[in-house]
N, C-alpha and C. Protein backbone atom coordinates (compact mmCIF):
# COMPACT_ATOMS: atom_id res chain seq x y z
N MET A 1 0.03 241.42 -84.77
CA MET A 1 0.86 240.23 -84.58
C MET A 1 1.47 240.13 -83.15
N TYR A 2 1.68 241.22 -82.67
CA TYR A 2 2.24 241.10 -81.28
C TYR A 2 1.14 240.84 -80.25
N GLU A 3 -0.17 241.23 -80.60
CA GLU A 3 -1.25 240.82 -79.79
C GLU A 3 -1.47 239.28 -79.91
N THR A 4 -1.48 238.71 -81.08
CA THR A 4 -1.53 237.32 -81.24
C THR A 4 -0.50 236.53 -80.46
N PHE A 5 0.79 237.06 -80.47
CA PHE A 5 1.87 236.47 -79.72
C PHE A 5 1.49 236.42 -78.28
N LEU A 6 1.09 237.57 -77.70
CA LEU A 6 0.73 237.58 -76.34
C LEU A 6 -0.41 236.64 -75.96
N ARG A 7 -1.42 236.59 -76.94
CA ARG A 7 -2.53 235.87 -76.65
C ARG A 7 -2.23 234.26 -76.65
N ASN A 8 -1.35 233.92 -77.61
CA ASN A 8 -0.78 232.46 -77.71
C ASN A 8 -0.05 232.23 -76.46
N ARG A 9 0.84 233.10 -76.07
CA ARG A 9 1.61 232.96 -74.89
C ARG A 9 0.79 232.69 -73.66
N PHE A 10 -0.28 233.48 -73.56
CA PHE A 10 -1.19 233.43 -72.47
C PHE A 10 -1.88 232.01 -72.39
N PHE A 11 -2.26 231.51 -73.41
CA PHE A 11 -2.94 230.27 -73.44
C PHE A 11 -1.87 229.20 -73.20
N PHE A 12 -0.73 229.21 -73.79
CA PHE A 12 0.35 228.29 -73.44
C PHE A 12 0.65 228.25 -71.99
N GLN A 13 0.80 229.33 -71.34
CA GLN A 13 1.09 229.43 -69.98
C GLN A 13 -0.06 228.91 -69.20
N PHE A 14 -1.22 229.17 -69.57
CA PHE A 14 -2.51 228.85 -68.83
C PHE A 14 -2.54 227.34 -68.89
N GLY A 15 -2.39 226.74 -70.11
CA GLY A 15 -2.42 225.28 -70.35
C GLY A 15 -1.26 224.63 -69.52
N GLU A 16 -0.15 225.16 -69.50
CA GLU A 16 0.95 224.54 -68.59
C GLU A 16 0.66 224.65 -67.22
N THR A 17 0.01 225.72 -66.69
CA THR A 17 -0.39 225.83 -65.32
C THR A 17 -1.49 224.75 -64.95
N MET A 18 -2.47 224.65 -65.78
CA MET A 18 -3.45 223.75 -65.65
C MET A 18 -2.92 222.26 -65.54
N ALA A 19 -1.95 221.97 -66.51
CA ALA A 19 -1.40 220.65 -66.40
C ALA A 19 -0.61 220.41 -65.26
N LYS A 20 0.06 221.44 -64.71
CA LYS A 20 0.81 221.22 -63.54
C LYS A 20 -0.17 221.08 -62.28
N ARG A 21 -1.18 221.79 -62.21
CA ARG A 21 -2.25 221.67 -61.24
C ARG A 21 -2.82 220.28 -61.16
N GLU A 22 -3.21 219.81 -62.40
CA GLU A 22 -3.81 218.47 -62.56
C GLU A 22 -2.75 217.39 -62.00
N PHE A 23 -1.46 217.54 -62.41
CA PHE A 23 -0.55 216.65 -61.94
C PHE A 23 -0.40 216.67 -60.46
N THR A 24 -0.41 217.84 -59.94
CA THR A 24 -0.20 217.88 -58.41
C THR A 24 -1.38 217.32 -57.68
N GLU A 25 -2.55 217.50 -58.21
CA GLU A 25 -3.80 216.96 -57.62
C GLU A 25 -3.84 215.43 -57.80
N GLN A 26 -3.34 214.94 -58.83
CA GLN A 26 -3.31 213.48 -59.08
C GLN A 26 -2.34 212.86 -58.07
N ARG A 27 -1.12 213.51 -57.95
CA ARG A 27 -0.10 213.13 -56.98
C ARG A 27 -0.60 213.11 -55.66
N ARG A 28 -1.44 214.11 -55.27
CA ARG A 28 -2.02 214.22 -53.88
C ARG A 28 -3.10 213.13 -53.68
N ARG A 29 -3.84 212.78 -54.66
CA ARG A 29 -4.82 211.71 -54.43
C ARG A 29 -4.06 210.37 -54.28
N MET A 30 -3.01 210.24 -55.17
CA MET A 30 -2.18 209.00 -54.99
C MET A 30 -1.63 208.78 -53.62
N ARG A 31 -1.04 209.96 -53.00
CA ARG A 31 -0.54 209.89 -51.75
C ARG A 31 -1.57 209.58 -50.69
N ALA A 32 -2.74 210.13 -50.79
CA ALA A 32 -3.84 210.01 -49.84
C ALA A 32 -4.23 208.43 -49.81
N VAL A 33 -4.28 207.87 -51.10
CA VAL A 33 -4.75 206.47 -51.13
C VAL A 33 -3.59 205.57 -50.45
N GLU A 34 -2.30 206.00 -50.85
CA GLU A 34 -1.29 205.18 -50.32
C GLU A 34 -1.13 205.21 -48.73
N ARG A 35 -1.54 206.34 -48.10
CA ARG A 35 -1.49 206.37 -46.73
C ARG A 35 -2.66 205.77 -45.97
N GLN A 36 -3.71 205.35 -46.65
CA GLN A 36 -4.88 204.76 -46.11
C GLN A 36 -4.48 203.38 -45.35
N ASN A 37 -5.12 203.03 -44.37
CA ASN A 37 -5.01 201.61 -43.71
C ASN A 37 -3.54 201.52 -43.30
N PRO A 38 -3.09 202.54 -42.53
CA PRO A 38 -1.53 202.26 -42.07
C PRO A 38 -1.47 201.04 -41.16
N LEU A 39 -0.18 200.60 -41.16
CA LEU A 39 -0.07 199.34 -40.33
C LEU A 39 1.23 199.60 -39.48
N ASP A 40 1.51 198.67 -38.59
CA ASP A 40 2.60 198.89 -37.64
C ASP A 40 3.76 198.18 -38.32
N ALA A 41 4.73 198.93 -38.78
CA ALA A 41 5.91 198.35 -39.48
C ALA A 41 6.56 197.31 -38.72
N ARG A 42 6.59 197.44 -37.44
CA ARG A 42 7.41 196.52 -36.63
C ARG A 42 6.80 195.00 -36.64
N ASP A 43 5.50 194.93 -36.97
CA ASP A 43 4.83 193.62 -37.16
C ASP A 43 5.40 192.88 -38.26
N TYR A 44 6.11 193.53 -39.25
CA TYR A 44 6.51 192.80 -40.42
C TYR A 44 8.15 192.50 -40.26
N ARG A 45 8.63 192.51 -39.13
CA ARG A 45 10.02 192.27 -38.79
C ARG A 45 10.39 190.82 -39.26
N ASP A 46 9.48 189.85 -38.72
CA ASP A 46 9.84 188.39 -39.14
C ASP A 46 9.56 188.11 -40.52
N ALA A 47 8.52 188.63 -41.10
CA ALA A 47 8.37 188.40 -42.56
C ALA A 47 9.53 188.98 -43.46
N PHE A 48 10.00 190.18 -42.91
CA PHE A 48 11.21 190.79 -43.65
C PHE A 48 12.44 190.02 -43.50
N ALA A 49 12.69 189.44 -42.37
CA ALA A 49 13.92 188.57 -42.12
C ALA A 49 13.74 187.31 -43.03
N GLU A 50 12.53 186.76 -43.22
CA GLU A 50 12.43 185.76 -44.18
C GLU A 50 12.61 186.16 -45.61
N PHE A 51 12.14 187.40 -45.97
CA PHE A 51 12.34 187.87 -47.28
C PHE A 51 13.88 188.01 -47.66
N LEU A 52 14.61 188.55 -46.68
CA LEU A 52 15.98 188.71 -46.88
C LEU A 52 16.73 187.30 -46.97
N ASN A 53 16.31 186.40 -46.14
CA ASN A 53 16.93 185.00 -46.27
C ASN A 53 16.68 184.48 -47.59
N GLY A 54 15.46 184.77 -48.07
CA GLY A 54 15.15 184.17 -49.40
C GLY A 54 15.97 184.72 -50.58
N LEU A 55 16.54 185.94 -50.37
CA LEU A 55 17.43 186.54 -51.39
C LEU A 55 18.87 185.86 -51.32
N GLY A 56 19.05 185.20 -50.39
CA GLY A 56 20.46 184.48 -50.26
C GLY A 56 21.52 185.49 -50.03
N VAL A 57 21.27 186.50 -49.36
CA VAL A 57 22.42 187.51 -49.03
C VAL A 57 22.89 187.31 -47.57
N GLU A 58 24.05 187.87 -47.30
CA GLU A 58 24.63 187.83 -45.93
C GLU A 58 24.06 189.13 -45.17
N VAL A 59 23.45 188.78 -43.99
CA VAL A 59 22.78 189.90 -43.35
C VAL A 59 23.28 189.89 -41.85
N GLU A 60 23.51 191.07 -41.32
CA GLU A 60 23.76 191.26 -39.90
C GLU A 60 22.39 191.93 -39.38
N MET A 61 21.96 191.47 -38.31
CA MET A 61 20.76 192.09 -37.70
C MET A 61 21.06 192.56 -36.23
N HIS A 62 20.60 194.02 -35.95
CA HIS A 62 20.68 194.58 -34.73
C HIS A 62 19.36 195.19 -34.21
N TRP A 63 19.30 195.30 -32.89
CA TRP A 63 18.14 195.76 -32.46
C TRP A 63 18.44 196.85 -31.29
N SER A 64 17.84 197.90 -31.37
CA SER A 64 18.05 198.98 -30.52
C SER A 64 17.77 198.71 -29.06
N GLY A 65 16.91 197.66 -28.83
CA GLY A 65 16.60 197.42 -27.37
C GLY A 65 17.75 196.43 -26.82
N ASP A 66 18.67 196.02 -27.56
CA ASP A 66 19.75 195.27 -26.92
C ASP A 66 20.77 196.10 -26.36
N ASP A 67 20.96 196.15 -24.99
CA ASP A 67 21.85 197.07 -24.40
C ASP A 67 23.29 196.45 -24.63
N LEU A 68 23.41 195.25 -24.89
CA LEU A 68 24.77 194.62 -24.83
C LEU A 68 25.59 194.86 -25.97
N GLU A 69 25.03 195.10 -27.24
CA GLU A 69 25.80 195.17 -28.53
C GLU A 69 26.08 196.68 -28.76
N LYS A 70 25.29 197.61 -28.13
CA LYS A 70 25.56 199.11 -28.44
C LYS A 70 25.70 199.54 -29.75
N PHE A 71 24.81 198.97 -30.59
CA PHE A 71 24.80 199.30 -32.00
C PHE A 71 24.02 200.54 -32.30
N GLU A 72 24.39 201.43 -33.03
CA GLU A 72 23.71 202.52 -33.47
C GLU A 72 23.79 202.70 -34.95
N GLY A 73 22.72 202.34 -35.69
CA GLY A 73 22.79 202.46 -37.13
C GLY A 73 22.28 203.75 -37.49
N PHE A 74 22.07 203.95 -38.86
CA PHE A 74 21.72 205.31 -39.41
C PHE A 74 20.33 205.84 -38.87
N LYS A 75 20.12 207.10 -39.00
CA LYS A 75 18.81 207.60 -38.56
C LYS A 75 18.27 208.46 -39.64
N LEU A 76 16.95 208.37 -39.80
CA LEU A 76 16.35 209.14 -40.89
C LEU A 76 15.56 210.29 -40.16
N SER A 77 15.72 210.46 -38.92
CA SER A 77 15.02 211.66 -38.21
C SER A 77 15.97 211.89 -36.99
N TYR A 78 15.63 213.06 -36.30
CA TYR A 78 16.45 213.33 -35.16
C TYR A 78 15.71 212.85 -33.84
N ASP A 79 14.61 212.08 -34.01
CA ASP A 79 13.91 211.49 -32.89
C ASP A 79 14.84 210.38 -32.31
N PRO A 80 14.76 210.15 -31.02
CA PRO A 80 15.60 209.03 -30.43
C PRO A 80 14.96 207.69 -30.93
N VAL A 81 15.82 206.79 -31.12
CA VAL A 81 15.44 205.42 -31.62
C VAL A 81 14.82 204.69 -30.30
N TRP A 82 13.65 204.06 -30.52
CA TRP A 82 13.27 203.43 -29.33
C TRP A 82 12.87 201.96 -29.73
N ASP A 83 12.66 201.61 -30.85
CA ASP A 83 12.30 200.20 -31.12
C ASP A 83 12.65 199.96 -32.58
N ARG A 84 13.97 200.20 -32.93
CA ARG A 84 14.27 200.07 -34.37
C ARG A 84 15.15 198.80 -34.65
N THR A 85 14.94 198.13 -35.70
CA THR A 85 15.79 196.92 -36.03
C THR A 85 16.46 197.21 -37.32
N TRP A 86 17.78 196.99 -37.32
CA TRP A 86 18.57 197.25 -38.41
C TRP A 86 18.95 195.98 -39.19
N TYR A 87 19.01 196.01 -40.42
CA TYR A 87 19.54 194.87 -41.29
C TYR A 87 20.60 195.34 -42.16
N ILE A 88 21.79 194.92 -41.99
CA ILE A 88 22.91 195.34 -42.82
C ILE A 88 23.27 194.20 -43.82
N VAL A 89 22.91 194.54 -45.07
CA VAL A 89 23.40 193.48 -46.17
C VAL A 89 24.85 193.82 -46.56
N ASN A 90 25.54 192.90 -46.35
CA ASN A 90 26.95 193.01 -46.65
C ASN A 90 27.29 192.99 -48.12
N ASN A 91 27.94 193.89 -48.78
CA ASN A 91 28.27 194.14 -50.01
C ASN A 91 29.51 193.21 -50.44
N PRO A 92 29.19 192.12 -51.32
CA PRO A 92 30.32 191.21 -51.63
C PRO A 92 31.28 191.88 -52.51
N TYR A 93 31.09 193.03 -53.16
CA TYR A 93 31.96 193.63 -54.01
C TYR A 93 32.85 194.74 -53.28
N GLY A 94 32.76 194.89 -52.12
CA GLY A 94 33.49 195.72 -51.28
C GLY A 94 33.04 197.21 -51.16
N GLY A 95 31.99 197.52 -51.79
CA GLY A 95 31.44 198.84 -51.78
C GLY A 95 30.63 199.14 -50.58
N HIS A 96 29.74 199.97 -50.81
CA HIS A 96 28.86 200.50 -49.51
C HIS A 96 27.96 199.17 -49.25
N ASN A 97 27.68 199.01 -47.92
CA ASN A 97 26.70 197.98 -47.59
C ASN A 97 25.34 198.64 -47.73
N LEU A 98 24.23 197.71 -47.97
CA LEU A 98 22.91 198.13 -48.00
C LEU A 98 22.28 198.10 -46.60
N GLU A 99 22.02 199.28 -46.05
CA GLU A 99 21.45 199.38 -44.70
C GLU A 99 19.97 199.58 -44.80
N LEU A 100 19.38 198.83 -43.97
CA LEU A 100 17.84 198.71 -43.85
C LEU A 100 17.39 198.91 -42.33
N ALA A 101 16.36 199.48 -42.21
CA ALA A 101 15.70 199.62 -40.81
C ALA A 101 14.28 199.54 -40.82
N ILE A 102 13.73 199.08 -39.74
CA ILE A 102 12.22 199.00 -39.50
C ILE A 102 12.04 199.59 -38.16
N GLU A 103 11.21 200.66 -38.03
CA GLU A 103 10.68 201.19 -36.87
C GLU A 103 9.26 201.70 -37.23
N SER A 104 9.06 203.04 -37.19
CA SER A 104 7.67 203.37 -37.48
C SER A 104 7.36 203.28 -39.06
N GLY A 105 8.38 203.11 -39.73
CA GLY A 105 8.29 202.92 -41.28
C GLY A 105 9.34 202.01 -41.64
N PHE A 106 9.55 202.06 -43.15
CA PHE A 106 10.61 201.09 -43.73
C PHE A 106 11.52 201.96 -44.29
N ASP A 107 12.88 201.93 -43.78
CA ASP A 107 13.90 202.85 -44.24
C ASP A 107 15.04 202.14 -44.95
N ILE A 108 15.67 202.83 -45.80
CA ILE A 108 16.80 202.32 -46.56
C ILE A 108 17.91 203.39 -46.78
N LEU A 109 19.07 202.89 -46.71
CA LEU A 109 20.34 203.73 -46.88
C LEU A 109 21.40 203.03 -47.84
N PHE A 110 21.68 203.59 -48.93
CA PHE A 110 22.55 202.91 -49.81
C PHE A 110 23.57 204.00 -50.33
N GLY A 111 24.88 203.91 -49.99
CA GLY A 111 25.83 205.04 -50.42
C GLY A 111 25.38 206.24 -49.50
N ASP A 112 25.24 207.39 -50.07
CA ASP A 112 24.75 208.56 -49.45
C ASP A 112 23.32 208.82 -49.62
N ALA A 113 22.56 208.01 -50.32
CA ALA A 113 21.20 208.23 -50.55
C ALA A 113 20.30 207.43 -49.60
N CYS A 114 19.21 207.91 -49.18
CA CYS A 114 18.42 207.36 -48.30
C CYS A 114 16.75 207.60 -48.62
N TRP A 115 15.99 206.73 -48.12
CA TRP A 115 14.62 206.81 -48.36
C TRP A 115 13.76 206.21 -47.41
N SER A 116 12.62 206.70 -47.18
CA SER A 116 11.67 206.13 -46.15
C SER A 116 10.36 205.75 -46.76
N PHE A 117 9.87 204.60 -46.70
CA PHE A 117 8.71 204.16 -47.29
C PHE A 117 7.51 204.17 -46.16
N HIS A 118 6.37 204.55 -46.49
CA HIS A 118 5.18 204.68 -45.61
C HIS A 118 4.89 203.31 -45.03
N PRO A 119 4.33 203.32 -43.80
CA PRO A 119 3.93 202.10 -43.14
C PRO A 119 2.58 201.56 -43.73
N THR A 120 2.50 201.26 -44.94
CA THR A 120 1.33 200.78 -45.54
C THR A 120 1.78 199.44 -46.34
N ILE A 121 0.64 198.77 -46.84
CA ILE A 121 0.90 197.57 -47.56
C ILE A 121 1.85 197.94 -48.86
N GLN A 122 1.28 199.01 -49.58
CA GLN A 122 2.03 199.48 -50.76
C GLN A 122 3.47 199.90 -50.38
N GLY A 123 3.63 200.56 -49.27
CA GLY A 123 4.88 201.10 -48.82
C GLY A 123 5.97 199.87 -48.52
N TYR A 124 5.37 198.73 -48.12
CA TYR A 124 6.21 197.59 -47.77
C TYR A 124 6.63 196.92 -49.19
N THR A 125 5.62 196.85 -50.02
CA THR A 125 5.89 196.28 -51.29
C THR A 125 6.96 197.04 -52.09
N ASP A 126 6.77 198.40 -52.05
CA ASP A 126 7.79 199.22 -52.80
C ASP A 126 9.20 199.12 -52.14
N TYR A 127 9.26 198.97 -50.78
CA TYR A 127 10.48 198.67 -49.97
C TYR A 127 11.06 197.43 -50.52
N GLN A 128 10.40 196.34 -50.63
CA GLN A 128 10.95 195.05 -51.20
C GLN A 128 11.44 195.14 -52.48
N ASN A 129 10.68 195.80 -53.29
CA ASN A 129 11.01 196.03 -54.70
C ASN A 129 12.30 196.78 -54.84
N THR A 130 12.42 197.74 -54.13
CA THR A 130 13.57 198.72 -54.16
C THR A 130 14.91 197.87 -53.68
N ILE A 131 14.80 197.07 -52.60
CA ILE A 131 15.82 196.24 -52.22
C ILE A 131 16.26 195.21 -53.22
N SER A 132 15.35 194.52 -53.79
CA SER A 132 15.59 193.55 -54.79
C SER A 132 16.21 194.04 -56.08
N ALA A 133 15.78 195.29 -56.47
CA ALA A 133 16.39 195.94 -57.57
C ALA A 133 17.80 196.40 -57.27
N LEU A 134 18.06 196.82 -56.13
CA LEU A 134 19.49 197.25 -55.82
C LEU A 134 20.38 195.97 -55.77
N LEU A 135 19.92 194.85 -55.42
CA LEU A 135 20.83 193.57 -55.26
C LEU A 135 21.09 192.98 -56.49
N VAL A 136 20.06 193.29 -57.55
CA VAL A 136 20.50 192.56 -58.82
C VAL A 136 20.92 193.69 -59.83
N GLY A 137 21.32 194.83 -59.39
CA GLY A 137 21.88 195.89 -60.18
C GLY A 137 21.01 196.65 -61.14
N ASN A 138 19.68 196.69 -60.74
CA ASN A 138 18.70 197.37 -61.55
C ASN A 138 18.37 198.76 -60.68
N ALA A 139 19.18 199.31 -59.85
CA ALA A 139 18.96 200.57 -59.21
C ALA A 139 20.34 201.01 -58.76
N ALA A 140 20.38 202.40 -58.28
CA ALA A 140 21.57 202.88 -57.96
C ALA A 140 21.37 204.01 -56.99
N SER A 141 22.45 204.35 -56.18
CA SER A 141 22.47 205.59 -55.44
C SER A 141 23.10 206.65 -56.37
N VAL A 142 22.29 207.73 -56.58
CA VAL A 142 22.60 208.70 -57.53
C VAL A 142 22.73 210.12 -56.91
N SER A 143 23.81 210.79 -57.16
CA SER A 143 24.01 212.19 -56.71
C SER A 143 23.88 213.17 -57.73
N CYS A 144 23.24 214.27 -57.52
CA CYS A 144 23.11 215.43 -58.45
C CYS A 144 24.00 216.53 -58.07
N ARG A 145 25.05 216.75 -58.87
CA ARG A 145 25.95 217.70 -58.45
C ARG A 145 25.93 218.95 -59.57
N ILE A 146 25.82 220.11 -59.04
CA ILE A 146 25.84 221.48 -59.91
C ILE A 146 26.79 222.36 -59.42
N GLU A 147 27.69 222.69 -60.36
CA GLU A 147 28.84 223.48 -60.03
C GLU A 147 29.77 222.95 -58.93
N GLY A 148 29.97 221.65 -58.98
CA GLY A 148 30.80 220.99 -58.10
C GLY A 148 30.29 220.64 -56.72
N LYS A 149 29.02 221.07 -56.41
CA LYS A 149 28.44 220.93 -55.16
C LYS A 149 27.34 219.89 -55.32
N CYS A 150 27.25 218.93 -54.31
CA CYS A 150 26.23 217.99 -54.30
C CYS A 150 24.90 218.55 -53.79
N GLU A 151 23.90 218.50 -54.67
CA GLU A 151 22.70 219.24 -54.33
C GLU A 151 21.45 218.30 -53.80
N ALA A 152 21.61 217.18 -54.25
CA ALA A 152 20.62 216.13 -53.86
C ALA A 152 21.11 214.79 -54.11
N ARG A 153 20.52 213.77 -53.38
CA ARG A 153 20.88 212.27 -53.60
C ARG A 153 19.54 211.70 -53.66
N ALA A 154 19.56 210.50 -54.38
CA ALA A 154 18.39 209.66 -54.50
C ALA A 154 18.70 208.21 -54.76
N ILE A 155 17.90 207.38 -54.47
CA ILE A 155 17.93 205.85 -54.94
C ILE A 155 16.92 205.79 -56.09
N LEU A 156 17.52 205.53 -57.38
CA LEU A 156 16.45 205.39 -58.41
C LEU A 156 16.54 203.91 -58.98
N VAL A 157 15.34 203.52 -59.32
CA VAL A 157 15.07 202.11 -59.68
C VAL A 157 14.63 201.92 -61.02
N GLY A 158 15.02 200.80 -61.67
CA GLY A 158 14.43 200.29 -62.87
C GLY A 158 14.52 201.28 -64.11
N GLU A 159 13.31 201.51 -64.61
CA GLU A 159 13.30 202.14 -65.94
C GLU A 159 13.86 203.70 -65.94
N LEU A 160 13.84 204.15 -64.66
CA LEU A 160 14.30 205.46 -64.51
C LEU A 160 15.80 205.71 -65.05
N MET A 161 16.44 204.53 -64.93
CA MET A 161 18.01 204.54 -65.36
C MET A 161 18.13 204.59 -66.75
N ASP A 162 16.94 204.39 -67.55
CA ASP A 162 17.17 204.44 -69.00
C ASP A 162 16.73 205.82 -69.63
N GLU A 163 16.34 206.73 -68.78
CA GLU A 163 15.86 208.14 -69.21
C GLU A 163 17.07 208.87 -69.47
N SER A 164 16.75 210.04 -70.09
CA SER A 164 17.89 211.06 -70.53
C SER A 164 18.49 211.54 -69.17
N ASP A 165 19.65 212.10 -69.36
CA ASP A 165 20.31 212.66 -68.24
C ASP A 165 19.46 213.81 -67.57
N MET A 166 18.94 214.63 -68.29
CA MET A 166 18.24 215.68 -67.70
C MET A 166 16.96 215.31 -67.02
N ARG A 167 16.26 214.23 -67.56
CA ARG A 167 15.23 213.77 -66.95
C ARG A 167 15.57 213.13 -65.50
N LEU A 168 16.66 212.41 -65.60
CA LEU A 168 17.10 211.77 -64.34
C LEU A 168 17.39 212.92 -63.27
N LEU A 169 18.01 214.01 -63.63
CA LEU A 169 18.26 215.14 -62.62
C LEU A 169 16.87 215.58 -62.24
N GLU A 170 15.96 215.68 -63.05
CA GLU A 170 14.59 216.34 -62.61
C GLU A 170 14.00 215.34 -61.60
N ARG A 171 14.13 214.03 -61.89
CA ARG A 171 13.73 213.10 -60.86
C ARG A 171 14.29 213.11 -59.51
N ILE A 172 15.69 213.40 -59.56
CA ILE A 172 16.31 213.69 -58.28
C ILE A 172 15.86 214.85 -57.61
N ALA A 173 15.59 215.90 -58.37
CA ALA A 173 15.03 217.13 -57.74
C ALA A 173 13.67 216.98 -57.12
N GLU A 174 12.86 216.08 -57.54
CA GLU A 174 11.64 215.67 -57.07
C GLU A 174 11.66 215.05 -55.75
N ARG A 175 12.77 214.39 -55.47
CA ARG A 175 12.87 213.66 -54.28
C ARG A 175 13.09 214.53 -52.91
N ASP A 176 12.68 214.17 -51.81
CA ASP A 176 13.17 214.88 -50.60
C ASP A 176 14.42 214.08 -50.08
N PHE A 177 15.43 214.99 -49.62
CA PHE A 177 16.66 214.47 -49.14
C PHE A 177 16.52 214.49 -47.61
N PHE A 178 16.41 213.35 -46.92
CA PHE A 178 16.29 213.30 -45.53
C PHE A 178 17.76 213.18 -44.90
N ALA A 179 18.25 214.16 -44.26
CA ALA A 179 19.61 213.97 -43.63
C ALA A 179 19.67 212.88 -42.74
N THR A 180 20.86 212.29 -42.73
CA THR A 180 21.20 211.13 -41.72
C THR A 180 22.28 211.67 -40.83
N ASN A 181 22.62 210.69 -39.87
CA ASN A 181 23.60 211.16 -39.03
C ASN A 181 25.00 211.01 -39.70
N GLN A 182 25.09 210.65 -40.91
CA GLN A 182 26.28 210.78 -41.75
C GLN A 182 26.39 211.96 -42.42
N ALA A 183 25.29 212.70 -42.65
CA ALA A 183 25.38 213.82 -43.41
C ALA A 183 24.30 214.87 -42.82
N VAL A 184 24.58 215.37 -41.60
CA VAL A 184 23.67 216.21 -40.92
C VAL A 184 23.92 217.64 -41.32
N GLU A 185 22.82 218.33 -41.84
CA GLU A 185 22.97 219.70 -42.30
C GLU A 185 21.77 220.44 -41.54
N TYR A 186 21.97 221.21 -40.51
CA TYR A 186 20.73 222.04 -39.98
C TYR A 186 20.62 223.27 -40.72
N ALA A 187 19.85 223.21 -41.81
CA ALA A 187 19.53 224.04 -42.62
C ALA A 187 18.13 223.91 -43.29
N ASP A 188 17.67 224.82 -44.03
CA ASP A 188 16.29 224.69 -44.55
C ASP A 188 16.38 223.87 -45.93
N ASN A 189 17.15 222.86 -45.95
CA ASN A 189 17.40 222.25 -47.25
C ASN A 189 16.81 220.76 -47.11
N PHE A 190 15.81 220.54 -46.23
CA PHE A 190 15.39 219.16 -46.13
C PHE A 190 14.46 218.95 -47.47
N ASN A 191 13.78 219.93 -48.05
CA ASN A 191 13.24 219.73 -49.30
C ASN A 191 13.87 220.61 -50.40
N LEU A 192 14.79 219.89 -51.24
CA LEU A 192 15.52 220.71 -52.09
C LEU A 192 14.91 220.83 -53.48
N SER A 193 13.60 220.43 -53.60
CA SER A 193 13.04 220.39 -54.98
C SER A 193 12.97 221.94 -55.57
N ILE A 194 12.53 222.93 -54.89
CA ILE A 194 12.31 224.19 -55.65
C ILE A 194 13.63 224.76 -55.98
N PRO A 195 14.60 225.03 -55.08
CA PRO A 195 15.85 225.74 -55.58
C PRO A 195 16.56 224.79 -56.54
N LEU A 196 16.50 223.49 -56.58
CA LEU A 196 17.18 222.63 -57.36
C LEU A 196 16.48 222.69 -58.75
N LYS A 197 15.25 222.63 -58.84
CA LYS A 197 14.54 222.81 -60.16
C LYS A 197 14.89 224.14 -60.79
N LYS A 198 15.06 225.20 -60.05
CA LYS A 198 15.40 226.50 -60.65
C LYS A 198 16.72 226.41 -61.34
N LYS A 199 17.65 225.64 -60.63
CA LYS A 199 18.98 225.49 -61.15
C LYS A 199 18.99 224.70 -62.50
N LEU A 200 18.16 223.62 -62.39
CA LEU A 200 18.11 222.81 -63.63
C LEU A 200 17.48 223.53 -64.81
N ARG A 201 16.58 224.32 -64.64
CA ARG A 201 16.02 225.20 -65.71
C ARG A 201 16.87 226.10 -66.21
N ARG A 202 17.90 226.60 -65.49
CA ARG A 202 18.82 227.63 -65.95
C ARG A 202 19.85 226.78 -66.86
N MET A 203 20.19 225.48 -66.32
CA MET A 203 21.09 224.73 -67.14
C MET A 203 20.52 224.39 -68.53
N LYS A 204 19.23 224.15 -68.57
CA LYS A 204 18.57 223.81 -69.82
C LYS A 204 18.77 224.94 -70.95
N ARG A 205 18.72 226.15 -70.48
CA ARG A 205 18.85 227.30 -71.35
C ARG A 205 20.29 227.30 -71.79
């Protein structure tokens, strides 16, 4: 009986490993396709301004090349800004503004959560969809706190908000947290997936 138990456990673990490997490979293929045919995000600034105007929101626009206004918005990397355009969508409810930027990619910051979309057609489409979802209340800035400490932040959209609490935490754990100049942490925590997933597994038990 014990041998049967070990054999079943082996096949279960083997099947689980194969499923994870298949999932990882599928995700890698999707990312490879997503990054094909890159575009210059800066070429989309006029179209993006029209997109925001079509949403009927109040927007402030700033450009890093304007020496007169001295505006320095959020940063998703530690590289110096050289041609970034910021779009600040004012929050009519008095909460956090929706902060957007276009430079080498399409960036978004809401609350303490931020995300960067690849400079591809699909990345630009996902960028627009995320902004629209936030403005209509179908998305949120979410923090994952474990033992009183914030471990990760993410912007979650749409149907993800209807899933169970644990699945929501797992989705946050899968996200990469890019430090901004509002929350700079010089540590090896740019990718929090592995340590955070371990904590989530312990919580499940």
